[in-house]
Amino acid sequence: MEYRLLTLWRFAAPHRPVFDAVFDSLQWPAWWPGAEQVEHLAEGDADGIGALRRYVWKGRLPYRLSFVARTTQIETPRVLAAEVDGDLAGTGRWTFSHDGGITTVRYEWRVRTTRMWMNALAPLTSGIFARNHHATMQQGGECLARRLGARLVDAFYGELP
């Protein structure tokens, strides 16, 4: 089953600290409860392209997802992107902008499930799986705001067209 999910966070915070906190995914387990484990597997090139990290996530539902992300794009402090493979396969892309004291973070998650049981249940549970993702992202936005000592002005969790 393919998922095309969108998260928008708007923080009353400077641009660079928001970018840096998202970029440093090795620290996510310290502040983002859904990120159970992030493990650095391999360095990328001099710009970080090709770096590999393994992620283990646990949302509200009684299962964990594990995947390896390979960095495909870094444009500091505007864009981070990766391809993922494991329990999920696809791409994730973070973009950052700043205007009038507000930093906007846009996350596009275009993945498909690879676990047989998830694909078999998808006709009945795809909405539940998407809501689980949105809840994890909501928690991430709230926790990132606390970590930065900033205010999460607003947020949106939905689907990409």
N, C-alpha and C. Protein backbone atom coordinates (compact mmCIF):
# COMPACT_ATOMS: atom_id res chain seq x y z
N MET A 1 0.84 -1.17 0.00
CA MET A 1 0.00 0.00 0.00
C MET A 1 0.89 1.24 0.00
N GLU A 2 0.54 2.22 -0.81
CA GLU A 2 1.31 3.46 -0.88
C GLU A 2 0.64 4.55 -0.05
N TYR A 3 1.49 5.31 0.66
CA TYR A 3 1.05 6.44 1.47
C TYR A 3 1.76 7.69 0.98
N ARG A 4 1.02 8.78 0.89
CA ARG A 4 1.56 10.08 0.47
C ARG A 4 1.12 11.08 1.53
N LEU A 5 1.94 11.23 2.55
CA LEU A 5 1.55 11.98 3.75
C LEU A 5 2.29 13.31 3.84
N LEU A 6 1.60 14.30 4.38
CA LEU A 6 2.14 15.65 4.50
C LEU A 6 2.03 16.13 5.93
N THR A 7 3.12 16.72 6.41
CA THR A 7 3.15 17.39 7.71
C THR A 7 3.64 18.81 7.49
N LEU A 8 2.95 19.77 8.10
CA LEU A 8 3.41 21.16 8.12
C LEU A 8 3.47 21.61 9.57
N TRP A 9 4.62 22.11 9.98
CA TRP A 9 4.79 22.69 11.30
C TRP A 9 5.19 24.15 11.11
N ARG A 10 4.65 25.03 11.92
CA ARG A 10 5.05 26.43 11.92
C ARG A 10 5.45 26.81 13.33
N PHE A 11 6.74 27.18 13.48
CA PHE A 11 7.30 27.51 14.79
C PHE A 11 7.62 29.00 14.87
N ALA A 12 7.34 29.60 16.02
CA ALA A 12 7.83 30.95 16.31
C ALA A 12 9.25 30.76 16.82
N ALA A 13 10.17 30.60 15.86
CA ALA A 13 11.56 30.27 16.19
C ALA A 13 12.45 30.65 15.02
N PRO A 14 13.72 30.91 15.30
CA PRO A 14 14.67 31.16 14.21
C PRO A 14 14.81 29.92 13.32
N HIS A 15 15.13 30.15 12.08
CA HIS A 15 15.23 29.10 11.07
C HIS A 15 16.29 28.05 11.40
N ARG A 16 17.51 28.50 11.67
CA ARG A 16 18.64 27.57 11.78
C ARG A 16 18.50 26.55 12.92
N PRO A 17 18.07 26.94 14.13
CA PRO A 17 17.92 25.92 15.17
C PRO A 17 16.87 24.86 14.82
N VAL A 18 15.83 25.24 14.11
CA VAL A 18 14.81 24.26 13.69
C VAL A 18 15.44 23.29 12.70
N PHE A 19 16.12 23.82 11.70
CA PHE A 19 16.79 22.96 10.72
C PHE A 19 17.79 22.03 11.41
N ASP A 20 18.63 22.60 12.28
CA ASP A 20 19.66 21.80 12.94
C ASP A 20 19.07 20.66 13.76
N ALA A 21 17.96 20.90 14.45
CA ALA A 21 17.34 19.85 15.28
C ALA A 21 16.79 18.72 14.41
N VAL A 22 16.22 19.06 13.26
CA VAL A 22 15.72 18.01 12.37
C VAL A 22 16.88 17.29 11.69
N PHE A 23 17.88 18.04 11.28
CA PHE A 23 19.05 17.46 10.62
C PHE A 23 19.76 16.45 11.51
N ASP A 24 19.85 16.72 12.80
CA ASP A 24 20.57 15.85 13.74
C ASP A 24 19.67 14.71 14.23
N SER A 25 19.32 13.83 13.31
CA SER A 25 18.38 12.75 13.65
C SER A 25 18.94 11.77 14.67
N LEU A 26 20.24 11.72 14.86
CA LEU A 26 20.79 10.84 15.90
C LEU A 26 20.28 11.24 17.28
N GLN A 27 19.89 12.49 17.45
CA GLN A 27 19.37 12.98 18.73
C GLN A 27 17.86 12.85 18.87
N TRP A 28 17.16 12.47 17.82
CA TRP A 28 15.70 12.38 17.89
C TRP A 28 15.20 11.55 19.07
N PRO A 29 15.79 10.39 19.36
CA PRO A 29 15.26 9.60 20.49
C PRO A 29 15.30 10.35 21.83
N ALA A 30 16.15 11.36 21.95
CA ALA A 30 16.23 12.13 23.20
C ALA A 30 15.03 13.04 23.40
N TRP A 31 14.35 13.41 22.31
CA TRP A 31 13.25 14.36 22.46
C TRP A 31 11.96 13.95 21.74
N TRP A 32 12.02 12.97 20.84
CA TRP A 32 10.85 12.56 20.06
C TRP A 32 10.48 11.14 20.47
N PRO A 33 9.44 10.98 21.30
CA PRO A 33 9.12 9.65 21.84
C PRO A 33 8.92 8.56 20.80
N GLY A 34 8.42 8.86 19.63
CA GLY A 34 8.20 7.84 18.60
C GLY A 34 9.48 7.29 18.00
N ALA A 35 10.55 8.07 18.07
CA ALA A 35 11.84 7.65 17.51
C ALA A 35 12.57 6.82 18.56
N GLU A 36 12.38 5.52 18.51
CA GLU A 36 12.98 4.65 19.53
C GLU A 36 14.48 4.51 19.35
N GLN A 37 14.93 4.45 18.10
CA GLN A 37 16.36 4.23 17.86
C GLN A 37 16.76 4.83 16.53
N VAL A 38 17.90 5.50 16.51
CA VAL A 38 18.53 5.97 15.28
C VAL A 38 19.98 5.56 15.35
N GLU A 39 20.42 4.80 14.37
CA GLU A 39 21.77 4.26 14.37
C GLU A 39 22.50 4.70 13.10
N HIS A 40 23.66 5.28 13.27
CA HIS A 40 24.49 5.70 12.13
C HIS A 40 25.18 4.47 11.56
N LEU A 41 24.98 4.19 10.29
CA LEU A 41 25.56 3.01 9.66
C LEU A 41 26.76 3.31 8.77
N ALA A 42 26.71 4.44 8.05
CA ALA A 42 27.80 4.76 7.11
C ALA A 42 27.82 6.24 6.82
N GLU A 43 29.05 6.75 6.65
CA GLU A 43 29.23 8.14 6.24
C GLU A 43 28.85 8.27 4.77
N GLY A 44 28.45 9.42 4.39
CA GLY A 44 28.24 9.72 2.98
C GLY A 44 29.50 10.37 2.42
N ASP A 45 29.32 11.08 1.32
CA ASP A 45 30.45 11.80 0.74
C ASP A 45 30.76 13.04 1.60
N ALA A 46 31.61 13.91 1.12
CA ALA A 46 32.03 15.08 1.90
C ALA A 46 30.85 15.98 2.25
N ASP A 47 29.78 15.94 1.46
CA ASP A 47 28.58 16.75 1.71
C ASP A 47 27.51 15.99 2.51
N GLY A 48 27.78 14.71 2.83
CA GLY A 48 26.81 13.90 3.57
C GLY A 48 25.87 13.10 2.70
N ILE A 49 25.96 13.26 1.39
CA ILE A 49 25.09 12.51 0.48
C ILE A 49 25.52 11.04 0.49
N GLY A 50 24.54 10.17 0.63
CA GLY A 50 24.83 8.73 0.69
C GLY A 50 24.96 8.19 2.10
N ALA A 51 24.91 9.07 3.11
CA ALA A 51 24.98 8.59 4.50
C ALA A 51 23.82 7.65 4.78
N LEU A 52 24.07 6.65 5.61
CA LEU A 52 23.05 5.66 5.95
C LEU A 52 22.77 5.69 7.45
N ARG A 53 21.47 5.68 7.78
CA ARG A 53 21.03 5.58 9.17
C ARG A 53 19.84 4.63 9.25
N ARG A 54 19.83 3.84 10.31
CA ARG A 54 18.71 2.92 10.57
C ARG A 54 17.82 3.57 11.63
N TYR A 55 16.52 3.56 11.35
CA TYR A 55 15.52 4.14 12.25
C TYR A 55 14.57 3.04 12.72
N VAL A 56 14.21 3.10 13.99
CA VAL A 56 13.16 2.25 14.54
C VAL A 56 12.14 3.19 15.17
N TRP A 57 10.89 3.09 14.69
CA TRP A 57 9.80 3.95 15.15
C TRP A 57 8.72 3.12 15.81
N LYS A 58 8.09 3.72 16.82
CA LYS A 58 6.96 3.09 17.50
C LYS A 58 5.92 4.18 17.71
N GLY A 59 4.77 4.01 17.08
CA GLY A 59 3.67 4.94 17.26
C GLY A 59 2.71 4.42 18.30
N ARG A 60 1.46 4.80 18.18
CA ARG A 60 0.44 4.38 19.14
C ARG A 60 -0.03 2.95 18.93
N LEU A 61 0.16 2.43 17.73
CA LEU A 61 -0.28 1.07 17.42
C LEU A 61 0.77 0.06 17.90
N PRO A 62 0.37 -1.19 18.10
CA PRO A 62 1.27 -2.18 18.71
C PRO A 62 2.24 -2.85 17.72
N TYR A 63 3.00 -2.03 17.00
CA TYR A 63 4.05 -2.57 16.14
C TYR A 63 5.14 -1.51 15.98
N ARG A 64 6.29 -1.95 15.54
CA ARG A 64 7.41 -1.05 15.26
C ARG A 64 7.72 -1.10 13.77
N LEU A 65 8.27 -0.02 13.27
CA LEU A 65 8.74 0.03 11.89
C LEU A 65 10.23 0.30 11.91
N SER A 66 10.95 -0.44 11.06
CA SER A 66 12.39 -0.26 10.94
C SER A 66 12.73 -0.06 9.47
N PHE A 67 13.59 0.91 9.21
CA PHE A 67 14.03 1.14 7.83
C PHE A 67 15.39 1.82 7.86
N VAL A 68 16.09 1.72 6.74
CA VAL A 68 17.36 2.40 6.55
C VAL A 68 17.12 3.56 5.59
N ALA A 69 17.63 4.73 5.95
CA ALA A 69 17.51 5.92 5.11
C ALA A 69 18.88 6.25 4.52
N ARG A 70 18.88 6.52 3.23
CA ARG A 70 20.09 6.97 2.53
C ARG A 70 19.87 8.41 2.12
N THR A 71 20.71 9.30 2.61
CA THR A 71 20.58 10.73 2.31
C THR A 71 20.81 10.96 0.83
N THR A 72 19.86 11.67 0.20
CA THR A 72 19.96 11.96 -1.23
C THR A 72 20.12 13.44 -1.52
N GLN A 73 19.79 14.30 -0.54
CA GLN A 73 19.88 15.74 -0.77
C GLN A 73 20.04 16.47 0.56
N ILE A 74 21.00 17.38 0.59
CA ILE A 74 21.18 18.29 1.72
C ILE A 74 21.47 19.66 1.13
N GLU A 75 20.59 20.60 1.39
CA GLU A 75 20.81 21.99 1.02
C GLU A 75 20.60 22.81 2.30
N THR A 76 21.66 22.93 3.07
CA THR A 76 21.59 23.61 4.37
C THR A 76 21.28 25.08 4.15
N PRO A 77 20.34 25.66 4.86
CA PRO A 77 19.37 25.10 5.81
C PRO A 77 17.96 25.00 5.21
N ARG A 78 17.86 24.55 3.96
CA ARG A 78 16.56 24.56 3.28
C ARG A 78 15.95 23.19 3.00
N VAL A 79 16.75 22.18 2.68
CA VAL A 79 16.20 20.91 2.22
C VAL A 79 17.01 19.74 2.78
N LEU A 80 16.30 18.71 3.21
CA LEU A 80 16.88 17.41 3.56
C LEU A 80 16.02 16.35 2.90
N ALA A 81 16.63 15.37 2.25
CA ALA A 81 15.84 14.31 1.62
C ALA A 81 16.58 12.99 1.71
N ALA A 82 15.80 11.91 1.72
CA ALA A 82 16.38 10.57 1.80
C ALA A 82 15.47 9.56 1.12
N GLU A 83 16.07 8.46 0.70
CA GLU A 83 15.33 7.29 0.25
C GLU A 83 15.37 6.28 1.38
N VAL A 84 14.25 5.59 1.60
CA VAL A 84 14.19 4.62 2.68
C VAL A 84 13.87 3.23 2.13
N ASP A 85 14.36 2.23 2.86
CA ASP A 85 14.09 0.84 2.50
C ASP A 85 14.06 0.02 3.77
N GLY A 86 13.12 -0.87 3.84
CA GLY A 86 12.94 -1.73 5.01
C GLY A 86 11.46 -2.02 5.14
N ASP A 87 10.89 -1.84 6.34
CA ASP A 87 9.45 -2.04 6.52
C ASP A 87 8.65 -1.04 5.69
N LEU A 88 9.29 0.09 5.37
CA LEU A 88 8.73 1.08 4.46
C LEU A 88 9.76 1.33 3.37
N ALA A 89 9.30 1.62 2.15
CA ALA A 89 10.19 1.93 1.04
C ALA A 89 9.65 3.16 0.33
N GLY A 90 10.53 4.11 0.05
CA GLY A 90 10.10 5.31 -0.64
C GLY A 90 11.01 6.48 -0.32
N THR A 91 10.42 7.67 -0.15
CA THR A 91 11.21 8.87 0.07
C THR A 91 10.60 9.74 1.16
N GLY A 92 11.47 10.47 1.81
CA GLY A 92 11.08 11.50 2.76
C GLY A 92 11.80 12.78 2.40
N ARG A 93 11.10 13.90 2.48
CA ARG A 93 11.70 15.19 2.10
C ARG A 93 11.25 16.28 3.07
N TRP A 94 12.22 16.90 3.73
CA TRP A 94 11.99 18.03 4.62
C TRP A 94 12.37 19.31 3.89
N THR A 95 11.51 20.33 3.95
CA THR A 95 11.88 21.65 3.45
C THR A 95 11.60 22.67 4.55
N PHE A 96 12.42 23.72 4.59
CA PHE A 96 12.39 24.71 5.65
C PHE A 96 12.37 26.10 5.03
N SER A 97 11.53 26.97 5.58
CA SER A 97 11.52 28.37 5.15
C SER A 97 11.25 29.25 6.37
N HIS A 98 11.54 30.52 6.23
CA HIS A 98 11.38 31.44 7.36
C HIS A 98 10.85 32.76 6.84
N ASP A 99 9.82 33.29 7.52
CA ASP A 99 9.25 34.57 7.15
C ASP A 99 8.58 35.19 8.37
N GLY A 100 8.90 36.44 8.64
CA GLY A 100 8.24 37.16 9.72
C GLY A 100 8.36 36.51 11.08
N GLY A 101 9.51 35.91 11.38
CA GLY A 101 9.72 35.28 12.68
C GLY A 101 9.15 33.88 12.80
N ILE A 102 8.58 33.35 11.72
CA ILE A 102 7.99 32.01 11.73
C ILE A 102 8.80 31.09 10.81
N THR A 103 9.23 29.97 11.34
CA THR A 103 9.89 28.95 10.54
C THR A 103 8.88 27.87 10.20
N THR A 104 8.73 27.62 8.90
CA THR A 104 7.81 26.59 8.42
C THR A 104 8.59 25.36 8.00
N VAL A 105 8.16 24.22 8.49
CA VAL A 105 8.76 22.93 8.15
C VAL A 105 7.69 22.13 7.39
N ARG A 106 8.06 21.66 6.23
CA ARG A 106 7.16 20.83 5.42
C ARG A 106 7.83 19.46 5.27
N TYR A 107 7.09 18.41 5.63
CA TYR A 107 7.63 17.06 5.49
C TYR A 107 6.71 16.26 4.59
N GLU A 108 7.27 15.74 3.51
CA GLU A 108 6.55 14.88 2.58
C GLU A 108 7.08 13.46 2.72
N TRP A 109 6.19 12.53 3.00
CA TRP A 109 6.54 11.13 3.25
C TRP A 109 5.79 10.31 2.22
N ARG A 110 6.51 9.83 1.21
CA ARG A 110 5.92 9.04 0.13
C ARG A 110 6.50 7.64 0.23
N VAL A 111 5.76 6.77 0.86
CA VAL A 111 6.28 5.43 1.12
C VAL A 111 5.21 4.38 0.84
N ARG A 112 5.70 3.16 0.70
CA ARG A 112 4.79 2.02 0.62
C ARG A 112 5.22 1.03 1.70
N THR A 113 4.25 0.32 2.21
CA THR A 113 4.55 -0.69 3.21
C THR A 113 5.09 -1.94 2.51
N THR A 114 6.02 -2.62 3.16
CA THR A 114 6.59 -3.83 2.58
C THR A 114 6.25 -5.07 3.39
N ARG A 115 5.75 -4.88 4.60
CA ARG A 115 5.38 -6.03 5.42
C ARG A 115 4.11 -6.66 4.85
N MET A 116 4.15 -7.97 4.71
CA MET A 116 3.03 -8.69 4.11
C MET A 116 1.73 -8.46 4.89
N TRP A 117 1.79 -8.51 6.22
CA TRP A 117 0.57 -8.36 7.01
C TRP A 117 -0.02 -6.96 6.86
N MET A 118 0.83 -5.94 6.73
CA MET A 118 0.33 -4.57 6.56
C MET A 118 -0.34 -4.41 5.19
N ASN A 119 0.26 -5.00 4.18
CA ASN A 119 -0.33 -4.92 2.84
C ASN A 119 -1.64 -5.70 2.77
N ALA A 120 -1.70 -6.83 3.46
CA ALA A 120 -2.92 -7.63 3.44
C ALA A 120 -4.07 -6.89 4.14
N LEU A 121 -3.76 -6.17 5.21
CA LEU A 121 -4.79 -5.45 5.96
C LEU A 121 -5.07 -4.04 5.44
N ALA A 122 -4.26 -3.57 4.50
CA ALA A 122 -4.34 -2.17 4.05
C ALA A 122 -5.74 -1.75 3.59
N PRO A 123 -6.49 -2.58 2.89
CA PRO A 123 -7.83 -2.10 2.48
C PRO A 123 -8.71 -1.72 3.67
N LEU A 124 -8.47 -2.32 4.81
CA LEU A 124 -9.27 -2.02 6.01
C LEU A 124 -8.60 -1.04 6.95
N THR A 125 -7.26 -0.97 6.90
CA THR A 125 -6.54 -0.23 7.95
C THR A 125 -5.68 0.92 7.45
N SER A 126 -5.69 1.23 6.17
CA SER A 126 -4.79 2.28 5.67
C SER A 126 -5.05 3.61 6.38
N GLY A 127 -6.29 3.93 6.67
CA GLY A 127 -6.61 5.16 7.40
C GLY A 127 -6.05 5.15 8.81
N ILE A 128 -6.09 3.98 9.44
CA ILE A 128 -5.54 3.85 10.80
C ILE A 128 -4.03 4.04 10.77
N PHE A 129 -3.37 3.44 9.77
CA PHE A 129 -1.91 3.58 9.65
C PHE A 129 -1.54 5.05 9.40
N ALA A 130 -2.30 5.74 8.55
CA ALA A 130 -2.03 7.16 8.28
C ALA A 130 -2.24 8.00 9.54
N ARG A 131 -3.30 7.75 10.28
CA ARG A 131 -3.54 8.50 11.52
C ARG A 131 -2.44 8.24 12.55
N ASN A 132 -1.92 7.02 12.60
CA ASN A 132 -0.81 6.71 13.49
C ASN A 132 0.41 7.56 13.12
N HIS A 133 0.70 7.67 11.82
CA HIS A 133 1.80 8.52 11.36
C HIS A 133 1.56 9.97 11.77
N HIS A 134 0.35 10.47 11.54
CA HIS A 134 0.05 11.86 11.87
C HIS A 134 0.19 12.12 13.37
N ALA A 135 -0.23 11.16 14.19
CA ALA A 135 -0.09 11.32 15.65
C ALA A 135 1.38 11.37 16.05
N THR A 136 2.21 10.55 15.42
CA THR A 136 3.64 10.55 15.69
C THR A 136 4.25 11.89 15.28
N MET A 137 3.83 12.41 14.14
CA MET A 137 4.35 13.71 13.68
C MET A 137 3.86 14.85 14.58
N GLN A 138 2.62 14.76 15.03
CA GLN A 138 2.11 15.79 15.94
C GLN A 138 2.94 15.82 17.22
N GLN A 139 3.21 14.63 17.75
CA GLN A 139 4.03 14.53 18.94
C GLN A 139 5.43 15.11 18.67
N GLY A 140 5.97 14.84 17.49
CA GLY A 140 7.28 15.37 17.13
C GLY A 140 7.30 16.89 17.09
N GLY A 141 6.28 17.48 16.50
CA GLY A 141 6.21 18.94 16.44
C GLY A 141 6.12 19.57 17.82
N GLU A 142 5.28 19.00 18.67
CA GLU A 142 5.13 19.51 20.03
C GLU A 142 6.43 19.37 20.82
N CYS A 143 7.08 18.22 20.69
CA CYS A 143 8.32 17.98 21.43
C CYS A 143 9.47 18.83 20.89
N LEU A 144 9.50 19.05 19.58
CA LEU A 144 10.54 19.90 19.02
C LEU A 144 10.37 21.33 19.51
N ALA A 145 9.14 21.80 19.59
CA ALA A 145 8.90 23.15 20.10
C ALA A 145 9.44 23.27 21.54
N ARG A 146 9.14 22.27 22.38
CA ARG A 146 9.65 22.30 23.76
C ARG A 146 11.18 22.29 23.78
N ARG A 147 11.77 21.45 22.94
CA ARG A 147 13.24 21.34 22.91
C ARG A 147 13.87 22.68 22.53
N LEU A 148 13.23 23.39 21.61
CA LEU A 148 13.76 24.67 21.15
C LEU A 148 13.38 25.84 22.05
N GLY A 149 12.47 25.59 22.99
CA GLY A 149 11.95 26.69 23.80
C GLY A 149 11.14 27.64 22.94
N ALA A 150 10.45 27.08 21.95
CA ALA A 150 9.70 27.86 20.98
C ALA A 150 8.22 27.51 21.07
N ARG A 151 7.43 28.21 20.30
CA ARG A 151 6.00 27.94 20.25
C ARG A 151 5.67 27.31 18.90
N LEU A 152 4.92 26.21 18.94
CA LEU A 152 4.38 25.62 17.72
C LEU A 152 3.12 26.43 17.39
N VAL A 153 3.23 27.32 16.42
CA VAL A 153 2.15 28.25 16.09
C VAL A 153 0.94 27.50 15.55
N ASP A 154 1.19 26.61 14.59
CA ASP A 154 0.13 25.73 14.09
C ASP A 154 0.77 24.57 13.34
N ALA A 155 -0.08 23.62 13.00
CA ALA A 155 0.41 22.41 12.33
C ALA A 155 -0.73 21.85 11.48
N PHE A 156 -0.33 21.09 10.48
CA PHE A 156 -1.29 20.42 9.59
C PHE A 156 -0.77 19.03 9.32
N TYR A 157 -1.67 18.06 9.35
CA TYR A 157 -1.33 16.67 9.06
C TYR A 157 -2.36 16.15 8.08
N GLY A 158 -1.92 15.77 6.88
CA GLY A 158 -2.86 15.33 5.87
C GLY A 158 -2.19 14.48 4.82
N GLU A 159 -2.80 14.47 3.65
CA GLU A 159 -2.29 13.66 2.55
C GLU A 159 -1.90 14.55 1.38
N LEU A 160 -0.87 14.13 0.69
CA LEU A 160 -0.44 14.83 -0.52
C LEU A 160 -1.39 14.46 -1.65
N PRO A 161 -1.58 15.38 -2.60
CA PRO A 161 -2.46 15.06 -3.73
C PRO A 161 -1.86 13.96 -4.60
